[in-house]
Amino acid sequence: MPTKTYSKEITDAQVMSAGIKTNAEVLAKRGINAEFTSGLDNTINTCVKLNNEQEELKARLKTKTEELNKQMAELQKKTGEARKIVKLDIPQTAWKEFGIADKR
């Protein structure tokens, strides 16, 4: 797991890119040229896009999880009611047919 959040890492990279562009002449002798800077900017833009997509998916996942939790609560309520009725009206020896393993 990264020590920085994705958004912090992206922001830091954007600051780095701006600094490189401002000091391009000095950095050129060390191999930081326009091609490198362009590649860095392309990678930053790709990361921004993917980070945004991931955040959208996280939000959708939370929504679906809430939906599922609500339906699971309803399912538990209904199966609980059914379980009580089965235990009242069906002999204990037949409870396994309903998935009930209780002794009482």
Protein backbone atom coordinates (compact mmCIF):
# COMPACT_ATOMS: atom_id res chain seq x y z
CA MET A 1 0.00 0.00 0.00
CA PRO A 2 1.38 3.39 -0.91
CA THR A 3 2.50 5.64 1.91
CA LYS A 4 0.86 8.62 0.16
CA THR A 5 -2.68 8.80 -1.11
CA TYR A 6 -3.05 8.67 -4.87
CA SER A 7 -4.27 12.26 -5.00
CA LYS A 8 -1.27 13.46 -2.95
CA GLU A 9 1.12 11.50 -5.18
CA ILE A 10 -0.51 13.03 -8.29
CA THR A 11 -0.35 16.55 -6.83
CA ASP A 12 3.32 16.06 -5.97
CA ALA A 13 3.99 14.86 -9.52
CA GLN A 14 2.21 17.91 -10.96
CA VAL A 15 4.39 20.19 -8.82
CA MET A 16 7.47 18.26 -9.99
CA SER A 17 6.42 18.68 -13.63
CA ALA A 18 5.92 22.42 -13.18
CA GLY A 19 9.33 22.72 -11.54
CA ILE A 20 10.96 20.75 -14.34
CA LYS A 21 9.39 23.02 -16.96
CA THR A 22 10.55 26.13 -15.12
CA ASN A 23 14.09 24.79 -14.88
CA ALA A 24 14.24 22.86 -18.17
CA GLU A 25 17.49 24.42 -19.32
CA VAL A 26 19.39 23.46 -16.17
CA LEU A 27 17.94 19.92 -16.07
CA ALA A 28 18.47 19.22 -19.77
CA LYS A 29 22.15 18.39 -19.26
CA ARG A 30 21.06 15.55 -16.93
CA GLY A 31 18.65 14.03 -19.46
CA ILE A 32 15.44 15.69 -18.34
CA ASN A 33 14.30 16.84 -21.77
CA ALA A 34 11.00 17.73 -23.45
CA GLU A 35 10.34 14.05 -24.23
CA PHE A 36 10.74 13.12 -20.55
CA THR A 37 8.52 15.99 -19.44
CA SER A 38 5.86 15.08 -21.99
CA GLY A 39 5.95 11.46 -20.82
CA LEU A 40 5.64 12.58 -17.20
CA ASP A 41 2.66 14.78 -18.03
CA ASN A 42 0.99 11.95 -19.96
CA THR A 43 1.45 9.61 -17.01
CA ILE A 44 0.08 12.24 -14.62
CA ASN A 45 -2.99 12.73 -16.82
CA THR A 46 -3.57 8.97 -17.02
CA CYS A 47 -3.28 8.68 -13.24
CA VAL A 48 -5.74 11.56 -12.73
CA LYS A 49 -8.24 9.87 -15.04
CA LEU A 50 -7.85 6.47 -13.39
CA ASN A 51 -8.02 7.95 -9.89
CA ASN A 52 -11.27 9.72 -10.77
CA GLU A 53 -12.71 6.49 -12.19
CA GLN A 54 -11.67 4.60 -9.06
CA GLU A 55 -13.32 7.17 -6.78
CA GLU A 56 -16.52 6.89 -8.83
CA LEU A 57 -16.43 3.10 -8.50
CA LYS A 58 -15.88 3.38 -4.74
CA ALA A 59 -18.97 5.58 -4.46
CA ARG A 60 -21.00 3.12 -6.54
CA LEU A 61 -19.72 0.24 -4.39
CA LYS A 62 -20.86 2.01 -1.21
CA THR A 63 -24.29 2.54 -2.71
CA LYS A 64 -24.57 -1.12 -3.74
CA THR A 65 -23.34 -2.26 -0.33
CA GLU A 66 -26.06 -0.19 1.35
CA GLU A 67 -28.65 -1.73 -1.00
CA LEU A 68 -27.37 -5.22 -0.28
CA ASN A 69 -27.33 -4.65 3.48
CA LYS A 70 -30.92 -3.44 3.37
CA GLN A 71 -32.03 -6.47 1.38
CA MET A 72 -30.05 -8.85 3.62
CA ALA A 73 -31.79 -7.40 6.68
CA GLU A 74 -35.15 -7.99 4.98
CA LEU A 75 -34.09 -11.53 4.07
CA GLN A 76 -33.06 -12.27 7.65
CA LYS A 77 -36.36 -10.89 8.93
CA LYS A 78 -38.39 -13.05 6.54
CA THR A 79 -36.39 -16.23 7.10
CA GLY A 80 -36.60 -15.64 10.85
CA GLU A 81 -40.39 -15.40 10.66
CA ALA A 82 -40.53 -18.52 8.49
CA ARG A 83 -38.23 -20.37 10.91
CA LYS A 84 -40.53 -19.60 13.86
CA ILE A 85 -43.60 -20.80 11.97
CA VAL A 86 -41.86 -23.97 10.79
CA LYS A 87 -40.78 -24.76 14.35
CA LEU A 88 -44.35 -24.31 15.58
CA ASP A 89 -46.12 -26.34 12.88
CA ILE A 90 -43.60 -28.92 11.65
CA PRO A 91 -42.25 -31.82 13.71
CA GLN A 92 -38.65 -31.38 14.80
CA THR A 93 -37.59 -34.44 12.84
CA ALA A 94 -38.49 -32.65 9.58
CA TRP A 95 -36.76 -29.31 10.35
CA LYS A 96 -33.67 -30.28 8.35
CA GLU A 97 -35.83 -30.11 5.22
CA PHE A 98 -36.07 -26.37 5.89
CA GLY A 99 -32.37 -25.97 6.70
CA ILE A 100 -32.98 -25.81 10.43
CA ALA A 101 -30.38 -27.74 12.44
CA ASP A 102 -31.64 -26.61 15.86
CA LYS A 103 -32.52 -29.12 18.53
CA ARG A 104 -35.34 -26.99 19.94
